[in-house]
Amino acid sequence: MHYTELVVWQKAMDLVTGIYRATSAFPAEERFGLASQARRAAVSIPSNIAEGHGRKATGAYLNHLSIAYGSLMELETQLQIAPRLGFVDADEIAALQTRTNEIGKMLNGLKKSLSASE
């Protein structure tokens, strides 16, 4: 199976699109601040899924999935900061957090599945 066939990778890619859309409404002075950090964290998630899959070694794959999960947690924190600063409304953040929760569960499931096959 190619990594692009993984539903978790596909959903993470959709999340990247959502983050780019949401952060495009941030103030201009945040272009290199919170917006940039959130975008980097979001991009890191599917990137690490793909890189780990490409390593062809379960241990390396698990490590990259762990990094992807850490980036997801970083992104969730940034999503909690944005409405506190008045950059986006709570409804938009809630929709993105629903996505992050689903991706987190899927990453954990993939990690468990890979660990069981070792």
PDB file of N, CA and C in Angstrom:
ATOM      1  N   MET A   1       0.848  -1.183   0.000  1.00  0.00           N
ATOM      2  CA  MET A   1       0.000   0.000   0.000  1.00  0.00           C
ATOM      3  C   MET A   1       0.896   1.249   0.000  1.00  0.00           C
ATOM      4  N   HIS A   2       0.539   2.202  -0.804  1.00  0.00           N
ATOM      5  CA  HIS A   2       1.250   3.480  -0.858  1.00  0.00           C
ATOM      6  C   HIS A   2       0.700   4.375   0.247  1.00  0.00           C
ATOM      7  N   TYR A   3       1.554   5.233   0.805  1.00  0.00           N
ATOM      8  CA  TYR A   3       1.113   6.072   1.923  1.00  0.00           C
ATOM      9  C   TYR A   3      -0.068   6.970   1.545  1.00  0.00           C
ATOM     10  N   THR A   4      -0.201   7.334   0.269  1.00  0.00           N
ATOM     11  CA  THR A   4      -1.320   8.203  -0.133  1.00  0.00           C
ATOM     12  C   THR A   4      -2.660   7.487  -0.040  1.00  0.00           C
ATOM     13  N   GLU A   5      -2.624   6.163   0.108  1.00  0.00           N
ATOM     14  CA  GLU A   5      -3.855   5.393   0.277  1.00  0.00           C
ATOM     15  C   GLU A   5      -4.293   5.327   1.745  1.00  0.00           C
ATOM     16  N   LEU A   6      -3.429   5.753   2.653  1.00  0.00           N
ATOM     17  CA  LEU A   6      -3.777   5.743   4.073  1.00  0.00           C
ATOM     18  C   LEU A   6      -4.784   6.855   4.364  1.00  0.00           C
ATOM     19  N   VAL A   7      -5.901   6.489   4.964  1.00  0.00           N
ATOM     20  CA  VAL A   7      -6.940   7.471   5.273  1.00  0.00           C
ATOM     21  C   VAL A   7      -6.411   8.534   6.229  1.00  0.00           C
ATOM     22  N   VAL A   8      -5.558   8.157   7.160  1.00  0.00           N
ATOM     23  CA  VAL A   8      -5.009   9.134   8.106  1.00  0.00           C
ATOM     24  C   VAL A   8      -4.161  10.172   7.369  1.00  0.00           C
ATOM     25  N   TRP A   9      -3.408   9.753   6.369  1.00  0.00           N
ATOM     26  CA  TRP A   9      -2.618  10.701   5.574  1.00  0.00           C
ATOM     27  C   TRP A   9      -3.542  11.631   4.795  1.00  0.00           C
ATOM     28  N   GLN A  10      -4.599  11.067   4.191  1.00  0.00           N
ATOM     29  CA  GLN A  10      -5.558  11.865   3.423  1.00  0.00           C
ATOM     30  C   GLN A  10      -6.242  12.909   4.312  1.00  0.00           C
ATOM     31  N   LYS A  11      -6.641  12.489   5.499  1.00  0.00           N
ATOM     32  CA  LYS A  11      -7.293  13.423   6.427  1.00  0.00           C
ATOM     33  C   LYS A  11      -6.313  14.485   6.926  1.00  0.00           C
ATOM     34  N   ALA A  12      -5.072  14.098   7.117  1.00  0.00           N
ATOM     35  CA  ALA A  12      -4.055  15.069   7.530  1.00  0.00           C
ATOM     36  C   ALA A  12      -3.817  16.093   6.421  1.00  0.00           C
ATOM     37  N   MET A  13      -3.857  15.654   5.176  1.00  0.00           N
ATOM     38  CA  MET A  13      -3.719  16.583   4.054  1.00  0.00           C
ATOM     39  C   MET A  13      -4.893  17.561   4.017  1.00  0.00           C
ATOM     40  N   ASP A  14      -6.092  17.061   4.268  1.00  0.00           N
ATOM     41  CA  ASP A  14      -7.267  17.938   4.336  1.00  0.00           C
ATOM     42  C   ASP A  14      -7.132  18.947   5.473  1.00  0.00           C
ATOM     43  N   LEU A  15      -6.556  18.498   6.581  1.00  0.00           N
ATOM     44  CA  LEU A  15      -6.335  19.392   7.715  1.00  0.00           C
ATOM     45  C   LEU A  15      -5.379  20.522   7.329  1.00  0.00           C
ATOM     46  N   VAL A  16      -4.337  20.198   6.588  1.00  0.00           N
ATOM     47  CA  VAL A  16      -3.394  21.229   6.129  1.00  0.00           C
ATOM     48  C   VAL A  16      -4.144  22.304   5.354  1.00  0.00           C
ATOM     49  N   THR A  17      -5.000  21.879   4.450  1.00  0.00           N
ATOM     50  CA  THR A  17      -5.781  22.837   3.662  1.00  0.00           C
ATOM     51  C   THR A  17      -6.633  23.716   4.571  1.00  0.00           C
ATOM     52  N   GLY A  18      -7.285  23.101   5.537  1.00  0.00           N
ATOM     53  CA  GLY A  18      -8.110  23.858   6.479  1.00  0.00           C
ATOM     54  C   GLY A  18      -7.306  24.853   7.295  1.00  0.00           C
ATOM     55  N   ILE A  19      -6.115  24.454   7.705  1.00  0.00           N
ATOM     56  CA  ILE A  19      -5.258  25.353   8.492  1.00  0.00           C
ATOM     57  C   ILE A  19      -4.798  26.523   7.635  1.00  0.00           C
ATOM     58  N   TYR A  20      -4.415  26.255   6.408  1.00  0.00           N
ATOM     59  CA  TYR A  20      -3.996  27.352   5.513  1.00  0.00           C
ATOM     60  C   TYR A  20      -5.144  28.334   5.296  1.00  0.00           C
ATOM     61  N   ARG A  21      -6.348  27.822   5.127  1.00  0.00           N
ATOM     62  CA  ARG A  21      -7.507  28.703   4.939  1.00  0.00           C
ATOM     63  C   ARG A  21      -7.768  29.531   6.197  1.00  0.00           C
ATOM     64  N   ALA A  22      -7.746  28.873   7.348  1.00  0.00           N
ATOM     65  CA  ALA A  22      -8.035  29.571   8.604  1.00  0.00           C
ATOM     66  C   ALA A  22      -6.979  30.623   8.908  1.00  0.00           C
ATOM     67  N   THR A  23      -5.715  30.287   8.694  1.00  0.00           N
ATOM     68  CA  THR A  23      -4.647  31.226   9.040  1.00  0.00           C
ATOM     69  C   THR A  23      -4.514  32.357   8.033  1.00  0.00           C
ATOM     70  N   SER A  24      -5.104  32.207   6.857  1.00  0.00           N
ATOM     71  CA  SER A  24      -5.043  33.302   5.878  1.00  0.00           C
ATOM     72  C   SER A  24      -5.818  34.518   6.360  1.00  0.00           C
ATOM     73  N   ALA A  25      -6.712  34.309   7.328  1.00  0.00           N
ATOM     74  CA  ALA A  25      -7.490  35.415   7.884  1.00  0.00           C
ATOM     75  C   ALA A  25      -6.797  36.073   9.086  1.00  0.00           C
ATOM     76  N   PHE A  26      -5.674  35.527   9.501  1.00  0.00           N
ATOM     77  CA  PHE A  26      -4.946  36.117  10.631  1.00  0.00           C
ATOM     78  C   PHE A  26      -4.408  37.497  10.229  1.00  0.00           C
ATOM     79  N   PRO A  27      -4.157  38.346  11.207  1.00  0.00           N
ATOM     80  CA  PRO A  27      -3.583  39.663  10.898  1.00  0.00           C
ATOM     81  C   PRO A  27      -2.225  39.520  10.190  1.00  0.00           C
ATOM     82  N   ALA A  28      -1.902  40.508   9.368  1.00  0.00           N
ATOM     83  CA  ALA A  28      -0.661  40.476   8.587  1.00  0.00           C
ATOM     84  C   ALA A  28       0.564  40.316   9.475  1.00  0.00           C
ATOM     85  N   GLU A  29       0.554  40.919  10.634  1.00  0.00           N
ATOM     86  CA  GLU A  29       1.727  40.824  11.512  1.00  0.00           C
ATOM     87  C   GLU A  29       1.937  39.414  12.070  1.00  0.00           C
ATOM     88  N   GLU A  30       0.955  38.565  11.906  1.00  0.00           N
ATOM     89  CA  GLU A  30       1.075  37.178  12.371  1.00  0.00           C
ATOM     90  C   GLU A  30       1.564  36.240  11.274  1.00  0.00           C
ATOM     91  N   ARG A  31       1.856  36.760  10.102  1.00  0.00           N
ATOM     92  CA  ARG A  31       2.305  35.921   8.988  1.00  0.00           C
ATOM     93  C   ARG A  31       3.522  35.089   9.373  1.00  0.00           C
ATOM     94  N   PHE A  32       4.418  35.674  10.167  1.00  0.00           N
ATOM     95  CA  PHE A  32       5.626  34.950  10.588  1.00  0.00           C
ATOM     96  C   PHE A  32       5.533  34.491  12.040  1.00  0.00           C
ATOM     97  N   GLY A  33       4.370  34.652  12.632  1.00  0.00           N
ATOM     98  CA  GLY A  33       4.159  34.249  14.015  1.00  0.00           C
ATOM     99  C   GLY A  33       3.306  32.994  14.093  1.00  0.00           C
ATOM    100  N   LEU A  34       2.158  33.145  14.740  1.00  0.00           N
ATOM    101  CA  LEU A  34       1.288  31.998  14.987  1.00  0.00           C
ATOM    102  C   LEU A  34       0.824  31.330  13.693  1.00  0.00           C
ATOM    103  N   ALA A  35       0.540  32.106  12.660  1.00  0.00           N
ATOM    104  CA  ALA A  35       0.091  31.515  11.387  1.00  0.00           C
ATOM    105  C   ALA A  35       1.161  30.582  10.826  1.00  0.00           C
ATOM    106  N   SER A  36       2.394  31.048  10.826  1.00  0.00           N
ATOM    107  CA  SER A  36       3.493  30.243  10.298  1.00  0.00           C
ATOM    108  C   SER A  36       3.707  28.989  11.138  1.00  0.00           C
ATOM    109  N   GLN A  37       3.647  29.129  12.444  1.00  0.00           N
ATOM    110  CA  GLN A  37       3.841  27.975  13.320  1.00  0.00           C
ATOM    111  C   GLN A  37       2.751  26.934  13.105  1.00  0.00           C
ATOM    112  N   ALA A  38       1.501  27.388  12.997  1.00  0.00           N
ATOM    113  CA  ALA A  38       0.384  26.458  12.803  1.00  0.00           C
ATOM    114  C   ALA A  38       0.510  25.751  11.458  1.00  0.00           C
ATOM    115  N   ARG A  39       0.903  26.491  10.436  1.00  0.00           N
ATOM    116  CA  ARG A  39       1.067  25.881   9.118  1.00  0.00           C
ATOM    117  C   ARG A  39       2.182  24.844   9.124  1.00  0.00           C
ATOM    118  N   ARG A  40       3.304  25.163   9.759  1.00  0.00           N
ATOM    119  CA  ARG A  40       4.419  24.205   9.814  1.00  0.00           C
ATOM    120  C   ARG A  40       4.020  22.946  10.574  1.00  0.00           C
ATOM    121  N   ALA A  41       3.329  23.120  11.690  1.00  0.00           N
ATOM    122  CA  ALA A  41       2.900  21.956  12.475  1.00  0.00           C
ATOM    123  C   ALA A  41       1.938  21.098  11.660  1.00  0.00           C
ATOM    124  N   ALA A  42       1.003  21.746  10.965  1.00  0.00           N
ATOM    125  CA  ALA A  42       0.031  20.995  10.159  1.00  0.00           C
ATOM    126  C   ALA A  42       0.719  20.226   9.039  1.00  0.00           C
ATOM    127  N   VAL A  43       1.638  20.870   8.334  1.00  0.00           N
ATOM    128  CA  VAL A  43       2.357  20.218   7.229  1.00  0.00           C
ATOM    129  C   VAL A  43       3.199  19.054   7.743  1.00  0.00           C
ATOM    130  N   SER A  44       3.695  19.168   8.951  1.00  0.00           N
ATOM    131  CA  SER A  44       4.538  18.127   9.535  1.00  0.00           C
ATOM    132  C   SER A  44       3.784  16.807   9.725  1.00  0.00           C
ATOM    133  N   ILE A  45       2.490  16.885   9.924  1.00  0.00           N
ATOM    134  CA  ILE A  45       1.722  15.670  10.217  1.00  0.00           C
ATOM    135  C   ILE A  45       1.719  14.709   9.020  1.00  0.00           C
ATOM    136  N   PRO A  46       1.180  15.097   7.859  1.00  0.00           N
ATOM    137  CA  PRO A  46       1.211  14.141   6.744  1.00  0.00           C
ATOM    138  C   PRO A  46       2.632  13.882   6.235  1.00  0.00           C
ATOM    139  N   SER A  47       3.512  14.868   6.385  1.00  0.00           N
ATOM    140  CA  SER A  47       4.899  14.683   5.937  1.00  0.00           C
ATOM    141  C   SER A  47       5.576  13.570   6.714  1.00  0.00           C
ATOM    142  N   ASN A  48       5.372  13.529   8.026  1.00  0.00           N
ATOM    143  CA  ASN A  48       5.993  12.485   8.839  1.00  0.00           C
ATOM    144  C   ASN A  48       5.334  11.132   8.638  1.00  0.00           C
ATOM    145  N   ILE A  49       4.042  11.119   8.360  1.00  0.00           N
ATOM    146  CA  ILE A  49       3.390   9.853   8.026  1.00  0.00           C
ATOM    147  C   ILE A  49       4.033   9.280   6.763  1.00  0.00           C
ATOM    148  N   ALA A  50       4.202  10.135   5.755  1.00  0.00           N
ATOM    149  CA  ALA A  50       4.789   9.697   4.487  1.00  0.00           C
ATOM    150  C   ALA A  50       6.238   9.269   4.666  1.00  0.00           C
ATOM    151  N   GLU A  51       7.019  10.071   5.383  1.00  0.00           N
ATOM    152  CA  GLU A  51       8.437   9.734   5.571  1.00  0.00           C
ATOM    153  C   GLU A  51       8.603   8.428   6.327  1.00  0.00           C
ATOM    154  N   GLY A  52       7.827   8.254   7.394  1.00  0.00           N
ATOM    155  CA  GLY A  52       7.910   7.012   8.160  1.00  0.00           C
ATOM    156  C   GLY A  52       7.540   5.806   7.321  1.00  0.00           C
ATOM    157  N   HIS A  53       6.499   5.950   6.523  1.00  0.00           N
ATOM    158  CA  HIS A  53       6.074   4.858   5.648  1.00  0.00           C
ATOM    159  C   HIS A  53       7.182   4.500   4.661  1.00  0.00           C
ATOM    160  N   GLY A  54       7.873   5.503   4.175  1.00  0.00           N
ATOM    161  CA  GLY A  54       8.926   5.285   3.203  1.00  0.00           C
ATOM    162  C   GLY A  54      10.187   4.669   3.772  1.00  0.00           C
ATOM    163  N   ARG A  55      10.334   4.686   5.086  1.00  0.00           N
ATOM    164  CA  ARG A  55      11.542   4.121   5.710  1.00  0.00           C
ATOM    165  C   ARG A  55      11.582   2.606   5.633  1.00  0.00           C
ATOM    166  N   LYS A  56      10.465   1.977   5.461  1.00  0.00           N
ATOM    167  CA  LYS A  56      10.385   0.513   5.309  1.00  0.00           C
ATOM    168  C   LYS A  56      10.922  -0.262   6.512  1.00  0.00           C
ATOM    169  N   ALA A  57      10.947   0.404   7.665  1.00  0.00           N
ATOM    170  CA  ALA A  57      11.348  -0.258   8.910  1.00  0.00           C
ATOM    171  C   ALA A  57      10.329   0.151   9.974  1.00  0.00           C
ATOM    172  N   THR A  58       9.758  -0.814  10.649  1.00  0.00           N
ATOM    173  CA  THR A  58       8.677  -0.543  11.595  1.00  0.00           C
ATOM    174  C   THR A  58       9.100   0.437  12.678  1.00  0.00           C
ATOM    175  N   GLY A  59      10.290   0.284  13.224  1.00  0.00           N
ATOM    176  CA  GLY A  59      10.755   1.179  14.277  1.00  0.00           C
ATOM    177  C   GLY A  59      10.831   2.625  13.805  1.00  0.00           C
ATOM    178  N   ALA A  60      11.350   2.821  12.608  1.00  0.00           N
ATOM    179  CA  ALA A  60      11.443   4.172  12.045  1.00  0.00           C
ATOM    180  C   ALA A  60      10.053   4.728  11.767  1.00  0.00           C
ATOM    181  N   TYR A  61       9.181   3.880  11.270  1.00  0.00           N
ATOM    182  CA  TYR A  61       7.801   4.297  10.987  1.00  0.00           C
ATOM    183  C   TYR A  61       7.118   4.751  12.281  1.00  0.00           C
ATOM    184  N   LEU A  62       7.259   3.948  13.331  1.00  0.00           N
ATOM    185  CA  LEU A  62       6.666   4.303  14.619  1.00  0.00           C
ATOM    186  C   LEU A  62       7.226   5.628  15.133  1.00  0.00           C
ATOM    187  N   ASN A  63       8.517   5.845  14.955  1.00  0.00           N
ATOM    188  CA  ASN A  63       9.137   7.089  15.386  1.00  0.00           C
ATOM    189  C   ASN A  63       8.536   8.277  14.635  1.00  0.00           C
ATOM    190  N   HIS A  64       8.369   8.142  13.339  1.00  0.00           N
ATOM    191  CA  HIS A  64       7.799   9.236  12.556  1.00  0.00           C
ATOM    192  C   HIS A  64       6.321   9.456  12.881  1.00  0.00           C
ATOM    193  N   LEU A  65       5.606   8.401  13.179  1.00  0.00           N
ATOM    194  CA  LEU A  65       4.216   8.566  13.608  1.00  0.00           C
ATOM    195  C   LEU A  65       4.153   9.294  14.950  1.00  0.00           C
ATOM    196  N   SER A  66       5.122   9.035  15.805  1.00  0.00           N
ATOM    197  CA  SER A  66       5.201   9.744  17.083  1.00  0.00           C
ATOM    198  C   SER A  66       5.473  11.234  16.851  1.00  0.00           C
ATOM    199  N   ILE A  67       6.343  11.541  15.915  1.00  0.00           N
ATOM    200  CA  ILE A  67       6.627  12.943  15.579  1.00  0.00           C
ATOM    201  C   ILE A  67       5.367  13.600  15.001  1.00  0.00           C
ATOM    202  N   ALA A  68       4.654  12.875  14.139  1.00  0.00           N
ATOM    203  CA  ALA A  68       3.411  13.400  13.567  1.00  0.00           C
ATOM    204  C   ALA A  68       2.405  13.704  14.675  1.00  0.00           C
ATOM    205  N   TYR A  69       2.323  12.811  15.650  1.00  0.00           N
ATOM    206  CA  TYR A  69       1.399  13.017  16.766  1.00  0.00           C
ATOM    207  C   TYR A  69       1.815  14.232  17.593  1.00  0.00           C
ATOM    208  N   GLY A  70       3.111  14.398  17.811  1.00  0.00           N
ATOM    209  CA  GLY A  70       3.594  15.568  18.535  1.00  0.00           C
ATOM    210  C   GLY A  70       3.262  16.853  17.800  1.00  0.00           C
ATOM    211  N   SER A  71       3.397  16.847  16.486  1.00  0.00           N
ATOM    212  CA  SER A  71       3.028  18.017  15.687  1.00  0.00           C
ATOM    213  C   SER A  71       1.532  18.286  15.776  1.00  0.00           C
ATOM    214  N   LEU A  72       0.749  17.227  15.850  1.00  0.00           N
ATOM    215  CA  LEU A  72      -0.696  17.368  16.000  1.00  0.00           C
ATOM    216  C   LEU A  72      -1.030  18.048  17.325  1.00  0.00           C
ATOM    217  N   MET A  73      -0.345  17.644  18.391  1.00  0.00           N
ATOM    218  CA  MET A  73      -0.579  18.263  19.699  1.00  0.00           C
ATOM    219  C   MET A  73      -0.145  19.738  19.696  1.00  0.00           C
ATOM    220  N   GLU A  74       0.954  20.009  19.013  1.00  0.00           N
ATOM    221  CA  GLU A  74       1.415  21.399  18.857  1.00  0.00           C
ATOM    222  C   GLU A  74       0.343  22.216  18.141  1.00  0.00           C
ATOM    223  N   LEU A  75      -0.199  21.674  17.067  1.00  0.00           N
ATOM    224  CA  LEU A  75      -1.226  22.358  16.305  1.00  0.00           C
ATOM    225  C   LEU A  75      -2.480  22.587  17.143  1.00  0.00           C
ATOM    226  N   GLU A  76      -2.880  21.591  17.915  1.00  0.00           N
ATOM    227  CA  GLU A  76      -4.058  21.755  18.772  1.00  0.00           C
ATOM    228  C   GLU A  76      -3.874  22.917  19.741  1.00  0.00           C
ATOM    229  N   THR A  77      -2.677  23.059  20.277  1.00  0.00           N
ATOM    230  CA  THR A  77      -2.392  24.166  21.189  1.00  0.00           C
ATOM    231  C   THR A  77      -2.494  25.493  20.454  1.00  0.00           C
ATOM    232  N   GLN A  78      -1.952  25.560  19.261  1.00  0.00           N
ATOM    233  CA  GLN A  78      -2.019  26.791  18.474  1.00  0.00           C
ATOM    234  C   GLN A  78      -3.459  27.130  18.114  1.00  0.00           C
ATOM    235  N   LEU A  79      -4.276  26.095  17.890  1.00  0.00           N
ATOM    236  CA  LEU A  79      -5.687  26.322  17.607  1.00  0.00           C
ATOM    237  C   LEU A  79      -6.431  26.862  18.829  1.00  0.00           C
ATOM    238  N   GLN A  80      -5.942  26.574  20.007  1.00  0.00           N
ATOM    239  CA  GLN A  80      -6.553  27.116  21.215  1.00  0.00           C
ATOM    240  C   GLN A  80      -6.107  28.557  21.469  1.00  0.00           C
ATOM    241  N   ILE A  81      -4.928  28.898  20.988  1.00  0.00           N
ATOM    242  CA  ILE A  81      -4.406  30.258  21.159  1.00  0.00           C
ATOM    243  C   ILE A  81      -5.115  31.236  20.226  1.00  0.00           C
ATOM    244  N   ALA A  82      -5.337  30.833  18.985  1.00  0.00           N
ATOM    245  CA  ALA A  82      -5.873  31.731  17.952  1.00  0.00           C
ATOM    246  C   ALA A  82      -7.169  32.443  18.362  1.00  0.00           C
ATOM    247  N   PRO A  83      -8.194  31.747  18.873  1.00  0.00           N
ATOM    248  CA  PRO A  83      -9.411  32.482  19.253  1.00  0.00           C
ATOM    249  C   PRO A  83      -9.211  33.360  20.488  1.00  0.00           C
ATOM    250  N   ARG A  84      -8.279  32.978  21.355  1.00  0.00           N
ATOM    251  CA  ARG A  84      -7.987  33.814  22.527  1.00  0.00           C
ATOM    252  C   ARG A  84      -7.444  35.173  22.107  1.00  0.00           C
ATOM    253  N   LEU A  85      -6.774  35.180  20.961  1.00  0.00           N
ATOM    254  CA  LEU A  85      -6.224  36.426  20.432  1.00  0.00           C
ATOM    255  C   LEU A  85      -7.193  37.109  19.474  1.00  0.00           C
ATOM    256  N   GLY A  86      -8.345  36.476  19.246  1.00  0.00           N
ATOM    257  CA  GLY A  86      -9.361  37.062  18.377  1.00  0.00           C
ATOM    258  C   GLY A  86      -9.073  36.913  16.893  1.00  0.00           C
ATOM    259  N   PHE A  87      -8.231  35.936  16.524  1.00  0.00           N
ATOM    260  CA  PHE A  87      -7.863  35.767  15.118  1.00  0.00           C
ATOM    261  C   PHE A  87      -8.911  34.997  14.321  1.00  0.00           C
ATOM    262  N   VAL A  88      -9.625  34.087  14.953  1.00  0.00           N
ATOM    263  CA  VAL A  88     -10.661  33.286  14.296  1.00  0.00           C
ATOM    264  C   VAL A  88     -11.794  33.053  15.288  1.00  0.00           C
ATOM    265  N   ASP A  89     -12.953  32.694  14.763  1.00  0.00           N
ATOM    266  CA  ASP A  89     -14.063  32.449  15.680  1.00  0.00           C
ATOM    267  C   ASP A  89     -14.034  31.014  16.201  1.00  0.00           C
ATOM    268  N   ALA A  90     -14.715  30.824  17.287  1.00  0.00           N
ATOM    269  CA  ALA A  90     -14.696  29.532  17.984  1.00  0.00           C
ATOM    270  C   ALA A  90     -15.276  28.408  17.132  1.00  0.00           C
ATOM    271  N   ASP A  91     -16.261  28.699  16.284  1.00  0.00           N
ATOM    272  CA  ASP A  91     -16.871  27.653  15.454  1.00  0.00           C
ATOM    273  C   ASP A  91     -15.872  27.087  14.451  1.00  0.00           C
ATOM    274  N   GLU A  92     -15.080  27.963  13.851  1.00  0.00           N
ATOM    275  CA  GLU A  92     -14.087  27.500  12.887  1.00  0.00           C
ATOM    276  C   GLU A  92     -13.039  26.629  13.578  1.00  0.00           C
ATOM    277  N   ILE A  93     -12.638  27.051  14.760  1.00  0.00           N
ATOM    278  CA  ILE A  93     -11.660  26.279  15.532  1.00  0.00           C
ATOM    279  C   ILE A  93     -12.240  24.933  15.944  1.00  0.00           C
ATOM    280  N   ALA A  94     -13.499  24.926  16.348  1.00  0.00           N
ATOM    281  CA  ALA A  94     -14.140  23.672  16.763  1.00  0.00           C
ATOM    282  C   ALA A  94     -14.139  22.657  15.627  1.00  0.00           C
ATOM    283  N   ALA A  95     -14.397  23.107  14.414  1.00  0.00           N
ATOM    284  CA  ALA A  95     -14.390  22.197  13.262  1.00  0.00           C
ATOM    285  C   ALA A  95     -12.991  21.637  13.015  1.00  0.00           C
ATOM    286  N   LEU A  96     -11.985  22.489  13.147  1.00  0.00           N
ATOM    287  CA  LEU A  96     -10.610  22.025  12.966  1.00  0.00           C
ATOM    288  C   LEU A  96     -10.198  21.080  14.087  1.00  0.00           C
ATOM    289  N   GLN A  97     -10.640  21.358  15.304  1.00  0.00           N
ATOM    290  CA  GLN A  97     -10.300  20.476  16.424  1.00  0.00           C
ATOM    291  C   GLN A  97     -10.993  19.127  16.309  1.00  0.00           C
ATOM    292  N   THR A  98     -12.161  19.093  15.703  1.00  0.00           N
ATOM    293  CA  THR A  98     -12.809  17.803  15.440  1.00  0.00           C
ATOM    294  C   THR A  98     -11.929  16.970  14.522  1.00  0.00           C
ATOM    295  N   ARG A  99     -11.353  17.625  13.521  1.00  0.00           N
ATOM    296  CA  ARG A  99     -10.438  16.931  12.604  1.00  0.00           C
ATOM    297  C   ARG A  99      -9.188  16.454  13.333  1.00  0.00           C
ATOM    298  N   THR A 100      -8.621  17.304  14.189  1.00  0.00           N
ATOM    299  CA  THR A 100      -7.399  16.897  14.888  1.00  0.00           C
ATOM    300  C   THR A 100      -7.672  15.719  15.814  1.00  0.00           C
ATOM    301  N   ASN A 101      -8.823  15.711  16.457  1.00  0.00           N
ATOM    302  CA  ASN A 101      -9.173  14.582  17.336  1.00  0.00           C
ATOM    303  C   ASN A 101      -9.253  13.283  16.548  1.00  0.00           C
ATOM    304  N   GLU A 102      -9.884  13.340  15.392  1.00  0.00           N
ATOM    305  CA  GLU A 102     -10.021  12.141  14.557  1.00  0.00           C
ATOM    306  C   GLU A 102      -8.652  11.654  14.078  1.00  0.00           C
ATOM    307  N   ILE A 103      -7.818  12.569  13.636  1.00  0.00           N
ATOM    308  CA  ILE A 103      -6.487  12.202  13.162  1.00  0.00           C
ATOM    309  C   ILE A 103      -5.660  11.622  14.304  1.00  0.00           C
ATOM    310  N   GLY A 104      -5.778  12.193  15.491  1.00  0.00           N
ATOM    311  CA  GLY A 104      -5.063  11.664  16.649  1.00  0.00           C
ATOM    312  C   GLY A 104      -5.440  10.226  16.950  1.00  0.00           C
ATOM    313  N   LYS A 105      -6.725   9.939  16.899  1.00  0.00           N
ATOM    314  CA  LYS A 105      -7.185   8.565  17.130  1.00  0.00           C
ATOM    315  C   LYS A 105      -6.653   7.622  16.054  1.00  0.00           C
ATOM    316  N   MET A 106      -6.646   8.093  14.831  1.00  0.00           N
ATOM    317  CA  MET A 106      -6.169   7.256  13.729  1.00  0.00           C
ATOM    318  C   MET A 106      -4.666   7.011  13.839  1.00  0.00           C
ATOM    319  N   LEU A 107      -3.910   8.037  14.212  1.00  0.00           N
ATOM    320  CA  LEU A 107      -2.466   7.847  14.409  1.00  0.00           C
ATOM    321  C   LEU A 107      -2.208   6.846  15.517  1.00  0.00           C
ATOM    322  N   ASN A 108      -2.938   6.965  16.614  1.00  0.00           N
ATOM    323  CA  ASN A 108      -2.758   6.011  17.718  1.00  0.00           C
ATOM    324  C   ASN A 108      -3.114   4.600  17.286  1.00  0.00           C
ATOM    325  N   GLY A 109      -4.170   4.455  16.508  1.00  0.00           N
ATOM    326  CA  GLY A 109      -4.557   3.138  16.009  1.00  0.00           C
ATOM    327  C   GLY A 109      -3.503   2.539  15.087  1.00  0.00           C
ATOM    328  N   LEU A 110      -2.947   3.373  14.215  1.00  0.00           N
ATOM    329  CA  LEU A 110      -1.891   2.903  13.315  1.00  0.00           C
ATOM    330  C   LEU A 110      -0.653   2.487  14.103  1.00  0.00           C
ATOM    331  N   LYS A 111      -0.311   3.283  15.119  1.00  0.00           N
ATOM    332  CA  LYS A 111       0.839   2.931  15.961  1.00  0.00           C
ATOM    333  C   LYS A 111       0.624   1.601  16.675  1.00  0.00           C
ATOM    334  N   LYS A 112      -0.584   1.399  17.207  1.00  0.00           N
ATOM    335  CA  LYS A 112      -0.878   0.138  17.884  1.00  0.00           C
ATOM    336  C   LYS A 112      -0.807  -1.046  16.925  1.00  0.00           C
ATOM    337  N   SER A 113      -1.330  -0.841  15.742  1.00  0.00           N
ATOM    338  CA  SER A 113      -1.309  -1.907  14.733  1.00  0.00           C
ATOM    339  C   SER A 113       0.114  -2.261  14.339  1.00  0.00           C
ATOM    340  N   LEU A 114       0.947  -1.262  14.125  1.00  0.00           N
ATOM    341  CA  LEU A 114       2.342  -1.514  13.767  1.00  0.00           C
ATOM    342  C   LEU A 114       3.119  -2.158  14.913  1.00  0.00           C
ATOM    343  N   SER A 115       2.841  -1.711  16.139  1.00  0.00           N
ATOM    344  CA  SER A 115       3.536  -2.271  17.309  1.00  0.00           C
ATOM    345  C   SER A 115       3.179  -3.744  17.483  1.00  0.00           C
ATOM    346  N   ALA A 116       1.935  -4.092  17.219  1.00  0.00           N
ATOM    347  CA  ALA A 116       1.490  -5.477  17.368  1.00  0.00           C
ATOM    348  C   ALA A 116       2.134  -6.381  16.320  1.00  0.00           C
ATOM    349  N   SER A 117       2.525  -5.789  15.182  1.00  0.00           N
ATOM    350  CA  SER A 117       3.089  -6.616  14.105  1.00  0.00           C
ATOM    351  C   SER A 117       4.606  -6.781  14.243  1.00  0.00           C
ATOM    352  N   GLU A 118       5.201  -6.097  15.212  1.00  0.00           N
ATOM    353  CA  GLU A 118       6.658  -6.212  15.399  1.00  0.00           C
ATOM    354  C   GLU A 118       7.033  -7.552  15.978  1.00  0.00           C
TER     355      GLU A 118
END
